[in-house]
Amino acid sequence: RAADRALEANVYRIPRENVDSSALISVGYSRRLCALEIEFHDGSIYRYRGIPVTVYLELQAAKSKAVYYNGRIR
């Protein structure tokens, strides 16, 4: 059912990995949801839907994750 899928998408936890960044604490990606989840140093957690896996991989490989986030995701 559509309602069940919508509820699941809202409560589905995306495992995140810690990253070395001045602004980001951790990032995670769900291939099933095509969603990128980012935790920031201020404690906020954002989930971005419709993100291709390539963006997640580029973010993980970026020398400056904060710069990549500001230029490509935000």
N, C-alpha and C. Protein backbone atom coordinates (compact mmCIF):
# COMPACT_ATOMS: atom_id res chain seq x y z
N ARG A 1 0.83 -1.20 0.00
CA ARG A 1 0.00 0.00 0.00
C ARG A 1 0.86 1.24 0.00
N ALA A 2 0.35 2.28 -0.64
CA ALA A 2 1.10 3.54 -0.74
C ALA A 2 1.32 4.15 0.63
N ALA A 3 0.30 4.10 1.49
CA ALA A 3 0.43 4.68 2.83
C ALA A 3 1.52 3.98 3.63
N ASP A 4 1.62 2.65 3.49
CA ASP A 4 2.65 1.90 4.20
C ASP A 4 4.04 2.28 3.71
N ARG A 5 4.19 2.44 2.38
CA ARG A 5 5.49 2.83 1.83
C ARG A 5 5.88 4.23 2.29
N ALA A 6 4.92 5.14 2.34
CA ALA A 6 5.22 6.51 2.79
C ALA A 6 5.66 6.51 4.24
N LEU A 7 4.98 5.74 5.08
CA LEU A 7 5.34 5.66 6.50
C LEU A 7 6.73 5.05 6.64
N GLU A 8 6.99 3.98 5.90
CA GLU A 8 8.28 3.33 5.97
C GLU A 8 9.40 4.28 5.55
N ALA A 9 9.18 5.07 4.53
CA ALA A 9 10.19 6.01 4.07
C ALA A 9 10.51 7.05 5.13
N ASN A 10 9.53 7.41 5.95
CA ASN A 10 9.74 8.42 6.98
C ASN A 10 10.46 7.88 8.20
N VAL A 11 10.35 6.58 8.47
CA VAL A 11 10.96 6.04 9.68
C VAL A 11 12.15 5.14 9.40
N TYR A 12 12.42 4.85 8.14
CA TYR A 12 13.53 3.99 7.75
C TYR A 12 14.83 4.66 8.13
N ARG A 13 15.62 3.99 8.91
CA ARG A 13 16.90 4.56 9.34
C ARG A 13 17.97 4.22 8.33
N ILE A 14 18.67 5.22 7.89
CA ILE A 14 19.77 5.02 6.95
C ILE A 14 21.06 4.98 7.76
N PRO A 15 21.77 3.86 7.75
CA PRO A 15 23.05 3.80 8.48
C PRO A 15 24.03 4.85 7.93
N ARG A 16 24.67 5.56 8.83
CA ARG A 16 25.62 6.59 8.43
C ARG A 16 27.02 6.23 8.91
N GLU A 17 28.01 6.71 8.17
CA GLU A 17 29.42 6.53 8.54
C GLU A 17 30.00 7.89 8.89
N ASN A 18 30.82 7.92 9.93
CA ASN A 18 31.49 9.16 10.31
C ASN A 18 32.44 9.60 9.20
N VAL A 19 32.53 10.91 9.02
CA VAL A 19 33.42 11.48 8.01
C VAL A 19 34.29 12.55 8.65
N ASP A 20 35.41 12.82 8.04
CA ASP A 20 36.32 13.87 8.49
C ASP A 20 35.92 15.15 7.78
N SER A 21 35.25 16.04 8.51
CA SER A 21 34.73 17.26 7.90
C SER A 21 34.54 18.34 8.95
N SER A 22 34.65 19.58 8.51
CA SER A 22 34.44 20.70 9.42
C SER A 22 32.96 20.94 9.70
N ALA A 23 32.08 20.46 8.83
CA ALA A 23 30.65 20.72 8.98
C ALA A 23 29.81 19.47 9.16
N LEU A 24 30.26 18.35 8.57
CA LEU A 24 29.48 17.12 8.58
C LEU A 24 30.07 16.14 9.60
N ILE A 25 29.19 15.43 10.28
CA ILE A 25 29.65 14.38 11.20
C ILE A 25 29.61 13.03 10.50
N SER A 26 28.47 12.74 9.86
CA SER A 26 28.31 11.44 9.24
C SER A 26 27.40 11.54 8.02
N VAL A 27 27.57 10.57 7.10
CA VAL A 27 26.74 10.50 5.90
C VAL A 27 26.36 9.05 5.65
N GLY A 28 25.19 8.87 5.06
CA GLY A 28 24.72 7.54 4.71
C GLY A 28 23.87 7.61 3.46
N TYR A 29 23.71 6.46 2.82
CA TYR A 29 22.94 6.42 1.58
C TYR A 29 22.11 5.15 1.54
N SER A 30 20.88 5.28 1.09
CA SER A 30 20.00 4.13 0.87
C SER A 30 19.74 4.01 -0.62
N ARG A 31 20.21 2.91 -1.21
CA ARG A 31 19.94 2.66 -2.63
C ARG A 31 18.45 2.38 -2.84
N ARG A 32 17.83 1.76 -1.87
CA ARG A 32 16.40 1.43 -1.99
C ARG A 32 15.55 2.70 -2.04
N LEU A 33 15.89 3.68 -1.22
CA LEU A 33 15.12 4.92 -1.16
C LEU A 33 15.70 6.01 -2.06
N CYS A 34 16.90 5.78 -2.62
CA CYS A 34 17.62 6.83 -3.36
C CYS A 34 17.71 8.09 -2.49
N ALA A 35 18.14 7.88 -1.26
CA ALA A 35 18.16 8.97 -0.29
C ALA A 35 19.54 9.08 0.36
N LEU A 36 19.97 10.32 0.50
CA LEU A 36 21.22 10.66 1.17
C LEU A 36 20.87 11.29 2.50
N GLU A 37 21.51 10.81 3.57
CA GLU A 37 21.25 11.37 4.89
C GLU A 37 22.57 11.92 5.43
N ILE A 38 22.51 13.16 5.93
CA ILE A 38 23.71 13.84 6.43
C ILE A 38 23.44 14.37 7.83
N GLU A 39 24.38 14.10 8.74
CA GLU A 39 24.33 14.64 10.10
C GLU A 39 25.38 15.73 10.20
N PHE A 40 24.97 16.87 10.74
CA PHE A 40 25.86 18.03 10.86
C PHE A 40 26.33 18.22 12.30
N HIS A 41 27.40 19.00 12.45
CA HIS A 41 27.96 19.26 13.77
C HIS A 41 26.99 19.98 14.70
N ASP A 42 26.02 20.69 14.14
CA ASP A 42 25.05 21.37 15.00
C ASP A 42 23.95 20.42 15.50
N GLY A 43 24.05 19.14 15.13
CA GLY A 43 23.08 18.14 15.59
C GLY A 43 21.94 17.87 14.62
N SER A 44 21.81 18.68 13.60
CA SER A 44 20.72 18.47 12.65
C SER A 44 21.04 17.32 11.70
N ILE A 45 19.99 16.65 11.25
CA ILE A 45 20.10 15.56 10.31
C ILE A 45 19.15 15.87 9.15
N TYR A 46 19.69 15.84 7.95
CA TYR A 46 18.89 16.11 6.75
C TYR A 46 18.88 14.88 5.86
N ARG A 47 17.73 14.63 5.27
CA ARG A 47 17.59 13.54 4.30
C ARG A 47 17.17 14.14 2.97
N TYR A 48 17.94 13.81 1.95
CA TYR A 48 17.68 14.30 0.59
C TYR A 48 17.23 13.12 -0.26
N ARG A 49 16.04 13.21 -0.84
CA ARG A 49 15.48 12.14 -1.68
C ARG A 49 15.82 12.40 -3.14
N GLY A 50 15.83 11.31 -3.92
CA GLY A 50 16.08 11.42 -5.35
C GLY A 50 17.53 11.70 -5.69
N ILE A 51 18.43 11.31 -4.82
CA ILE A 51 19.86 11.56 -5.02
C ILE A 51 20.48 10.32 -5.66
N PRO A 52 21.16 10.48 -6.79
CA PRO A 52 21.84 9.32 -7.40
C PRO A 52 23.00 8.85 -6.53
N VAL A 53 23.28 7.56 -6.59
CA VAL A 53 24.37 7.00 -5.79
C VAL A 53 25.70 7.66 -6.14
N THR A 54 25.86 8.13 -7.36
CA THR A 54 27.12 8.78 -7.75
C THR A 54 27.40 10.03 -6.90
N VAL A 55 26.36 10.75 -6.52
CA VAL A 55 26.55 11.94 -5.68
C VAL A 55 27.08 11.52 -4.31
N TYR A 56 26.52 10.46 -3.76
CA TYR A 56 27.00 9.95 -2.47
C TYR A 56 28.47 9.53 -2.57
N LEU A 57 28.81 8.81 -3.62
CA LEU A 57 30.20 8.35 -3.79
C LEU A 57 31.15 9.53 -3.98
N GLU A 58 30.73 10.53 -4.73
CA GLU A 58 31.56 11.73 -4.92
C GLU A 58 31.73 12.48 -3.60
N LEU A 59 30.68 12.56 -2.81
CA LEU A 59 30.76 13.21 -1.50
C LEU A 59 31.77 12.48 -0.62
N GLN A 60 31.67 11.15 -0.59
CA GLN A 60 32.60 10.37 0.24
C GLN A 60 34.06 10.57 -0.22
N ALA A 61 34.26 10.73 -1.52
CA ALA A 61 35.62 10.87 -2.06
C ALA A 61 36.14 12.30 -2.05
N ALA A 62 35.28 13.26 -1.80
CA ALA A 62 35.67 14.67 -1.88
C ALA A 62 36.72 15.02 -0.83
N LYS A 63 37.68 15.80 -1.24
CA LYS A 63 38.71 16.28 -0.30
C LYS A 63 38.06 17.12 0.79
N SER A 64 37.14 18.01 0.40
CA SER A 64 36.39 18.80 1.37
C SER A 64 34.91 18.46 1.22
N LYS A 65 34.41 17.70 2.17
CA LYS A 65 33.01 17.29 2.12
C LYS A 65 32.06 18.48 2.29
N ALA A 66 32.46 19.46 3.08
CA ALA A 66 31.63 20.65 3.28
C ALA A 66 31.51 21.45 1.98
N VAL A 67 32.62 21.60 1.27
CA VAL A 67 32.60 22.33 -0.01
C VAL A 67 31.74 21.57 -1.02
N TYR A 68 31.91 20.25 -1.09
CA TYR A 68 31.11 19.45 -2.02
C TYR A 68 29.62 19.57 -1.69
N TYR A 69 29.31 19.45 -0.40
CA TYR A 69 27.91 19.57 0.02
C TYR A 69 27.33 20.93 -0.38
N ASN A 70 28.06 22.01 -0.10
CA ASN A 70 27.56 23.34 -0.42
C ASN A 70 27.40 23.56 -1.92
N GLY A 71 28.26 22.99 -2.72
CA GLY A 71 28.21 23.22 -4.17
C GLY A 71 27.32 22.28 -4.93
N ARG A 72 27.14 21.05 -4.45
CA ARG A 72 26.42 20.05 -5.24
C ARG A 72 25.11 19.57 -4.64
N ILE A 73 24.94 19.67 -3.32
CA ILE A 73 23.77 19.08 -2.67
C ILE A 73 22.83 20.14 -2.11
N ARG A 74 23.37 21.05 -1.39
CA ARG A 74 22.57 22.08 -0.72
C ARG A 74 21.90 22.94 -1.75
